[in-house]
Amino acid sequence: MLLTNAAVWYALQGFAPLAVLIASLFASFVAREIVGTFFQLHQIYHETYSDEYARLLAQIDDLNDDSLDGDSNPS
């Protein structure tokens, strides 16, 4: 908020290049936070589902091993 207030103040004082510089700095900070948040959520998503996939694959392997052992009578 401080950067946007400074950009508006410099623009009103006639320092347009400085206002543009401050506004671009603010935009880059915002973009960096958005992209960083996206990558953190993406990493959490993949970590969560990779653990789930590994668990399910282990269950499938166990079921396949049981069926290969001739245990076809589940009781």
N, C-alpha and C. Protein backbone atom coordinates (compact mmCIF):
# COMPACT_ATOMS: atom_id res chain seq x y z
N MET A 1 0.83 -1.19 0.00
CA MET A 1 0.00 0.00 0.00
C MET A 1 0.87 1.24 0.00
N LEU A 2 1.97 1.18 0.70
CA LEU A 2 2.87 2.33 0.76
C LEU A 2 3.45 2.63 -0.62
N LEU A 3 3.79 1.59 -1.38
CA LEU A 3 4.34 1.81 -2.72
C LEU A 3 3.32 2.44 -3.64
N THR A 4 2.07 2.02 -3.56
CA THR A 4 1.05 2.61 -4.44
C THR A 4 0.78 4.06 -4.04
N ASN A 5 0.78 4.35 -2.75
CA ASN A 5 0.60 5.74 -2.31
C ASN A 5 1.76 6.60 -2.79
N ALA A 6 2.97 6.08 -2.71
CA ALA A 6 4.14 6.83 -3.18
C ALA A 6 4.06 7.04 -4.69
N ALA A 7 3.63 6.03 -5.43
CA ALA A 7 3.52 6.16 -6.88
C ALA A 7 2.51 7.24 -7.25
N VAL A 8 1.37 7.25 -6.57
CA VAL A 8 0.35 8.27 -6.86
C VAL A 8 0.87 9.65 -6.49
N TRP A 9 1.56 9.76 -5.37
CA TRP A 9 2.07 11.07 -4.94
C TRP A 9 3.08 11.61 -5.95
N TYR A 10 4.03 10.76 -6.38
CA TYR A 10 5.02 11.20 -7.36
C TYR A 10 4.37 11.54 -8.70
N ALA A 11 3.34 10.80 -9.09
CA ALA A 11 2.64 11.10 -10.34
C ALA A 11 1.95 12.46 -10.25
N LEU A 12 1.35 12.76 -9.10
CA LEU A 12 0.68 14.05 -8.92
C LEU A 12 1.67 15.20 -8.84
N GLN A 13 2.89 14.93 -8.40
CA GLN A 13 3.91 15.97 -8.30
C GLN A 13 4.60 16.21 -9.64
N GLY A 14 4.30 15.39 -10.64
CA GLY A 14 4.90 15.59 -11.95
C GLY A 14 6.10 14.70 -12.21
N PHE A 15 6.37 13.76 -11.34
CA PHE A 15 7.50 12.84 -11.52
C PHE A 15 6.98 11.51 -12.07
N ALA A 16 6.50 11.54 -13.29
CA ALA A 16 5.89 10.35 -13.88
C ALA A 16 6.87 9.17 -13.99
N PRO A 17 8.13 9.39 -14.41
CA PRO A 17 9.03 8.23 -14.50
C PRO A 17 9.25 7.55 -13.15
N LEU A 18 9.35 8.33 -12.09
CA LEU A 18 9.53 7.75 -10.77
C LEU A 18 8.27 7.02 -10.33
N ALA A 19 7.12 7.57 -10.67
CA ALA A 19 5.85 6.91 -10.34
C ALA A 19 5.74 5.58 -11.08
N VAL A 20 6.17 5.55 -12.33
CA VAL A 20 6.13 4.31 -13.11
C VAL A 20 7.09 3.29 -12.50
N LEU A 21 8.26 3.72 -12.08
CA LEU A 21 9.23 2.82 -11.46
C LEU A 21 8.65 2.22 -10.17
N ILE A 22 8.05 3.04 -9.35
CA ILE A 22 7.48 2.54 -8.10
C ILE A 22 6.33 1.59 -8.38
N ALA A 23 5.48 1.94 -9.34
CA ALA A 23 4.36 1.06 -9.68
C ALA A 23 4.85 -0.27 -10.23
N SER A 24 5.92 -0.25 -11.03
CA SER A 24 6.44 -1.51 -11.57
C SER A 24 7.07 -2.36 -10.47
N LEU A 25 7.72 -1.72 -9.50
CA LEU A 25 8.26 -2.47 -8.36
C LEU A 25 7.13 -3.14 -7.58
N PHE A 26 6.06 -2.39 -7.36
CA PHE A 26 4.91 -2.95 -6.66
C PHE A 26 4.33 -4.13 -7.43
N ALA A 27 4.19 -3.97 -8.73
CA ALA A 27 3.64 -5.05 -9.56
C ALA A 27 4.55 -6.28 -9.53
N SER A 28 5.85 -6.08 -9.53
CA SER A 28 6.76 -7.23 -9.50
C SER A 28 6.69 -7.95 -8.15
N PHE A 29 6.54 -7.19 -7.06
CA PHE A 29 6.40 -7.83 -5.75
C PHE A 29 5.11 -8.65 -5.68
N VAL A 30 4.03 -8.09 -6.19
CA VAL A 30 2.75 -8.80 -6.19
C VAL A 30 2.84 -10.05 -7.05
N ALA A 31 3.42 -9.92 -8.23
CA ALA A 31 3.55 -11.07 -9.13
C ALA A 31 4.41 -12.16 -8.51
N ARG A 32 5.48 -11.76 -7.83
CA ARG A 32 6.35 -12.75 -7.19
C ARG A 32 5.60 -13.52 -6.11
N GLU A 33 4.79 -12.82 -5.33
CA GLU A 33 4.01 -13.49 -4.28
C GLU A 33 2.97 -14.43 -4.88
N ILE A 34 2.32 -14.01 -5.95
CA ILE A 34 1.31 -14.86 -6.59
C ILE A 34 1.95 -16.11 -7.15
N VAL A 35 3.06 -15.95 -7.86
CA VAL A 35 3.74 -17.11 -8.46
C VAL A 35 4.29 -18.02 -7.37
N GLY A 36 4.86 -17.45 -6.32
CA GLY A 36 5.38 -18.25 -5.22
C GLY A 36 4.28 -19.06 -4.54
N THR A 37 3.14 -18.44 -4.33
CA THR A 37 2.01 -19.15 -3.74
C THR A 37 1.54 -20.28 -4.65
N PHE A 38 1.48 -20.01 -5.95
CA PHE A 38 1.07 -21.04 -6.91
C PHE A 38 2.01 -22.24 -6.84
N PHE A 39 3.32 -21.99 -6.82
CA PHE A 39 4.27 -23.11 -6.79
C PHE A 39 4.21 -23.86 -5.46
N GLN A 40 3.96 -23.17 -4.36
CA GLN A 40 3.81 -23.87 -3.08
C GLN A 40 2.59 -24.77 -3.09
N LEU A 41 1.48 -24.27 -3.60
CA LEU A 41 0.26 -25.08 -3.68
C LEU A 41 0.46 -26.26 -4.63
N HIS A 42 1.16 -26.02 -5.73
CA HIS A 42 1.44 -27.09 -6.70
C HIS A 42 2.30 -28.18 -6.05
N GLN A 43 3.30 -27.79 -5.27
CA GLN A 43 4.17 -28.76 -4.60
C GLN A 43 3.38 -29.55 -3.56
N ILE A 44 2.56 -28.88 -2.77
CA ILE A 44 1.75 -29.57 -1.76
C ILE A 44 0.80 -30.56 -2.43
N TYR A 45 0.19 -30.15 -3.54
CA TYR A 45 -0.73 -31.02 -4.27
C TYR A 45 -0.02 -32.29 -4.73
N HIS A 46 1.17 -32.12 -5.33
CA HIS A 46 1.88 -33.29 -5.84
C HIS A 46 2.42 -34.18 -4.72
N GLU A 47 2.86 -33.58 -3.62
CA GLU A 47 3.33 -34.40 -2.50
C GLU A 47 2.19 -35.21 -1.92
N THR A 48 1.03 -34.60 -1.79
CA THR A 48 -0.13 -35.29 -1.23
C THR A 48 -0.54 -36.46 -2.12
N TYR A 49 -0.66 -36.21 -3.40
CA TYR A 49 -1.12 -37.26 -4.29
C TYR A 49 -0.06 -38.29 -4.59
N SER A 50 1.22 -37.94 -4.54
CA SER A 50 2.25 -38.95 -4.76
C SER A 50 2.26 -39.95 -3.61
N ASP A 51 2.03 -39.49 -2.39
CA ASP A 51 1.94 -40.42 -1.26
C ASP A 51 0.73 -41.35 -1.42
N GLU A 52 -0.39 -40.78 -1.86
CA GLU A 52 -1.60 -41.57 -2.05
C GLU A 52 -1.40 -42.59 -3.17
N TYR A 53 -0.76 -42.18 -4.26
CA TYR A 53 -0.50 -43.10 -5.37
C TYR A 53 0.43 -44.23 -4.93
N ALA A 54 1.45 -43.90 -4.15
CA ALA A 54 2.37 -44.93 -3.67
C ALA A 54 1.64 -45.94 -2.79
N ARG A 55 0.76 -45.46 -1.94
CA ARG A 55 -0.01 -46.36 -1.08
C ARG A 55 -0.91 -47.27 -1.90
N LEU A 56 -1.59 -46.70 -2.88
CA LEU A 56 -2.48 -47.51 -3.72
C LEU A 56 -1.70 -48.52 -4.56
N LEU A 57 -0.54 -48.12 -5.08
CA LEU A 57 0.28 -49.06 -5.85
C LEU A 57 0.78 -50.20 -4.97
N ALA A 58 1.11 -49.90 -3.72
CA ALA A 58 1.53 -50.96 -2.80
C ALA A 58 0.38 -51.93 -2.54
N GLN A 59 -0.83 -51.42 -2.41
CA GLN A 59 -1.99 -52.30 -2.22
C GLN A 59 -2.22 -53.17 -3.45
N ILE A 60 -2.07 -52.58 -4.62
CA ILE A 60 -2.24 -53.36 -5.86
C ILE A 60 -1.18 -54.45 -5.95
N ASP A 61 0.06 -54.11 -5.62
CA ASP A 61 1.12 -55.12 -5.64
C ASP A 61 0.83 -56.24 -4.66
N ASP A 62 0.34 -55.90 -3.47
CA ASP A 62 -0.02 -56.93 -2.49
C ASP A 62 -1.12 -57.83 -3.02
N LEU A 63 -2.13 -57.23 -3.64
CA LEU A 63 -3.22 -58.03 -4.20
C LEU A 63 -2.73 -58.93 -5.33
N ASN A 64 -1.84 -58.41 -6.16
CA ASN A 64 -1.28 -59.21 -7.25
C ASN A 64 -0.43 -60.36 -6.71
N ASP A 65 0.34 -60.09 -5.67
CA ASP A 65 1.16 -61.15 -5.06
C ASP A 65 0.28 -62.23 -4.46
N ASP A 66 -0.81 -61.83 -3.81
CA ASP A 66 -1.73 -62.81 -3.24
C ASP A 66 -2.37 -63.67 -4.32
N SER A 67 -2.73 -63.06 -5.44
CA SER A 67 -3.38 -63.83 -6.50
C SER A 67 -2.38 -64.75 -7.19
N LEU A 68 -1.12 -64.37 -7.25
CA LEU A 68 -0.10 -65.23 -7.85
C LEU A 68 0.26 -66.40 -6.94
N ASP A 69 0.07 -66.23 -5.65
CA ASP A 69 0.36 -67.31 -4.70
C ASP A 69 -0.72 -68.38 -4.71
N GLY A 70 -1.79 -68.17 -5.45
CA GLY A 70 -2.85 -69.15 -5.53
C GLY A 70 -3.93 -68.95 -4.49
N ASP A 71 -3.91 -67.83 -3.82
CA ASP A 71 -4.93 -67.55 -2.81
C ASP A 71 -6.14 -66.93 -3.50
N SER A 72 -6.92 -67.76 -4.15
CA SER A 72 -8.06 -67.24 -4.89
C SER A 72 -9.35 -67.34 -4.09
N ASN A 73 -9.27 -67.80 -2.84
CA ASN A 73 -10.46 -67.93 -2.00
C ASN A 73 -10.39 -66.90 -0.88
N PRO A 74 -10.87 -65.69 -1.14
CA PRO A 74 -10.81 -64.66 -0.09
C PRO A 74 -11.89 -64.88 0.95
N SER A 75 -11.50 -65.30 2.14
CA SER A 75 -12.50 -65.50 3.19
C SER A 75 -12.04 -64.94 4.51
